[in-house]
């Protein structure tokens, strides 16, 4: 990553590293700096946190087997595209 301002696309690509505390201090500063001037990315981060919070409450028995299979298939194909 360059040391210039972070773009929205770059922020989206590293949001999980940010939430995991895996960014360098400099990249965290850049991430936070971008958020101060970008309402869209601030909303995205808030939505991401909410999704993690809600997904963390799911139990395997909360999903019908068909739905669980569809989700797993979607995630597998998403991972192979990236």
C-alpha atoms as a PDB file:
ATOM      1  CA  UNK A   1       0.000   0.000   0.000  1.00  0.00           C
ATOM      2  CA  UNK A   2       1.266   3.429  -0.800  1.00  0.00           C
ATOM      3  CA  UNK A   3       1.459   6.083   1.891  1.00  0.00           C
ATOM      4  CA  UNK A   4      -0.985   8.426   0.171  1.00  0.00           C
ATOM      5  CA  UNK A   5      -4.609   8.850   1.099  1.00  0.00           C
ATOM      6  CA  UNK A   6      -6.610   5.654   1.162  1.00  0.00           C
ATOM      7  CA  UNK A   7      -9.272   5.244  -1.539  1.00  0.00           C
ATOM      8  CA  UNK A   8     -12.718   3.819  -0.888  1.00  0.00           C
ATOM      9  CA  UNK A   9     -11.784   0.689  -2.839  1.00  0.00           C
ATOM     10  CA  UNK A  10      -8.653   0.184  -0.737  1.00  0.00           C
ATOM     11  CA  UNK A  11     -10.627   0.661   2.467  1.00  0.00           C
ATOM     12  CA  UNK A  12     -13.141  -2.003   1.445  1.00  0.00           C
ATOM     13  CA  UNK A  13     -10.291  -4.403   0.634  1.00  0.00           C
ATOM     14  CA  UNK A  14      -8.705  -4.074   4.092  1.00  0.00           C
ATOM     15  CA  UNK A  15     -11.744  -3.600   6.336  1.00  0.00           C
ATOM     16  CA  UNK A  16     -11.398  -7.048   7.927  1.00  0.00           C
ATOM     17  CA  UNK A  17      -7.716  -6.432   8.674  1.00  0.00           C
ATOM     18  CA  UNK A  18      -8.729  -3.129  10.285  1.00  0.00           C
ATOM     19  CA  UNK A  19     -11.355  -4.798  12.466  1.00  0.00           C
ATOM     20  CA  UNK A  20      -8.913  -7.572  13.395  1.00  0.00           C
ATOM     21  CA  UNK A  21      -6.272  -5.012  14.406  1.00  0.00           C
ATOM     22  CA  UNK A  22      -3.909  -6.432  11.795  1.00  0.00           C
ATOM     23  CA  UNK A  23      -2.965  -3.163  10.070  1.00  0.00           C
ATOM     24  CA  UNK A  24       0.222  -1.277  10.732  1.00  0.00           C
ATOM     25  CA  UNK A  25      -0.096   1.882  12.794  1.00  0.00           C
ATOM     26  CA  UNK A  26       0.393   3.946   9.629  1.00  0.00           C
ATOM     27  CA  UNK A  27      -2.302   2.064   7.690  1.00  0.00           C
ATOM     28  CA  UNK A  28      -4.679   2.333  10.649  1.00  0.00           C
ATOM     29  CA  UNK A  29      -4.090   6.087  10.673  1.00  0.00           C
ATOM     30  CA  UNK A  30      -4.802   6.242   6.943  1.00  0.00           C
ATOM     31  CA  UNK A  31      -7.951   4.127   7.395  1.00  0.00           C
ATOM     32  CA  UNK A  32      -9.218   6.342  10.224  1.00  0.00           C
ATOM     33  CA  UNK A  33      -8.287   9.455   8.253  1.00  0.00           C
ATOM     34  CA  UNK A  34     -10.325   8.284   5.287  1.00  0.00           C
ATOM     35  CA  UNK A  35     -13.323   7.667   7.534  1.00  0.00           C
ATOM     36  CA  UNK A  36     -13.274  11.254   8.801  1.00  0.00           C
ATOM     37  CA  UNK A  37     -13.975  12.531   5.289  1.00  0.00           C
ATOM     38  CA  UNK A  38     -16.103   9.771   3.785  1.00  0.00           C
ATOM     39  CA  UNK A  39     -19.643   9.204   5.017  1.00  0.00           C
ATOM     40  CA  UNK A  40     -20.097   6.284   2.614  1.00  0.00           C
ATOM     41  CA  UNK A  41     -17.168   4.335   4.037  1.00  0.00           C
ATOM     42  CA  UNK A  42     -18.198   5.201   7.595  1.00  0.00           C
ATOM     43  CA  UNK A  43     -21.630   3.732   6.857  1.00  0.00           C
ATOM     44  CA  UNK A  44     -20.002   0.689   5.216  1.00  0.00           C
ATOM     45  CA  UNK A  45     -17.851   0.060   8.305  1.00  0.00           C
ATOM     46  CA  UNK A  46     -20.884   0.395  10.599  1.00  0.00           C
ATOM     47  CA  UNK A  47     -22.844  -2.062   8.435  1.00  0.00           C
ATOM     48  CA  UNK A  48     -19.909  -4.462   8.409  1.00  0.00           C
ATOM     49  CA  UNK A  49     -19.725  -4.361  12.221  1.00  0.00           C
ATOM     50  CA  UNK A  50     -23.471  -4.957  12.494  1.00  0.00           C
ATOM     51  CA  UNK A  51     -23.278  -7.903  10.105  1.00  0.00           C
ATOM     52  CA  UNK A  52     -20.466  -9.468  12.116  1.00  0.00           C
ATOM     53  CA  UNK A  53     -22.440  -8.973  15.319  1.00  0.00           C
ATOM     54  CA  UNK A  54     -25.569 -10.552  13.904  1.00  0.00           C
ATOM     55  CA  UNK A  55     -23.769 -13.415  12.182  1.00  0.00           C
ATOM     56  CA  UNK A  56     -21.928 -14.178  15.399  1.00  0.00           C
ATOM     57  CA  UNK A  57     -25.229 -14.981  17.057  1.00  0.00           C
ATOM     58  CA  UNK A  58     -26.274 -17.602  14.510  1.00  0.00           C
ATOM     59  CA  UNK A  59     -26.205 -21.237  15.481  1.00  0.00           C
ATOM     60  CA  UNK A  60     -25.961 -24.018  12.893  1.00  0.00           C
ATOM     61  CA  UNK A  61     -29.466 -25.137  13.856  1.00  0.00           C
ATOM     62  CA  UNK A  62     -30.839 -21.648  13.050  1.00  0.00           C
ATOM     63  CA  UNK A  63     -30.500 -22.369   9.328  1.00  0.00           C
ATOM     64  CA  UNK A  64     -32.355 -24.935   7.307  1.00  0.00           C
ATOM     65  CA  UNK A  65     -29.900 -27.389   5.704  1.00  0.00           C
ATOM     66  CA  UNK A  66     -30.794 -26.111   2.214  1.00  0.00           C
ATOM     67  CA  UNK A  67     -30.032 -22.503   3.213  1.00  0.00           C
ATOM     68  CA  UNK A  68     -26.787 -23.529   4.889  1.00  0.00           C
ATOM     69  CA  UNK A  69     -25.697 -25.388   1.735  1.00  0.00           C
ATOM     70  CA  UNK A  70     -26.554 -22.382  -0.448  1.00  0.00           C
ATOM     71  CA  UNK A  71     -24.562 -20.031   1.772  1.00  0.00           C
ATOM     72  CA  UNK A  72     -21.552 -22.320   1.882  1.00  0.00           C
ATOM     73  CA  UNK A  73     -21.654 -22.672  -1.891  1.00  0.00           C
ATOM     74  CA  UNK A  74     -21.870 -18.909  -2.346  1.00  0.00           C
ATOM     75  CA  UNK A  75     -18.926 -18.297  -0.019  1.00  0.00           C
ATOM     76  CA  UNK A  76     -16.827 -20.963  -1.724  1.00  0.00           C
ATOM     77  CA  UNK A  77     -17.427 -19.467  -5.168  1.00  0.00           C
ATOM     78  CA  UNK A  78     -16.747 -15.951  -3.820  1.00  0.00           C
ATOM     79  CA  UNK A  79     -13.422 -17.099  -2.369  1.00  0.00           C
ATOM     80  CA  UNK A  80     -12.306 -18.654  -5.676  1.00  0.00           C
ATOM     81  CA  UNK A  81     -13.143 -15.441  -7.577  1.00  0.00           C
ATOM     82  CA  UNK A  82     -11.007 -13.228  -5.339  1.00  0.00           C
END
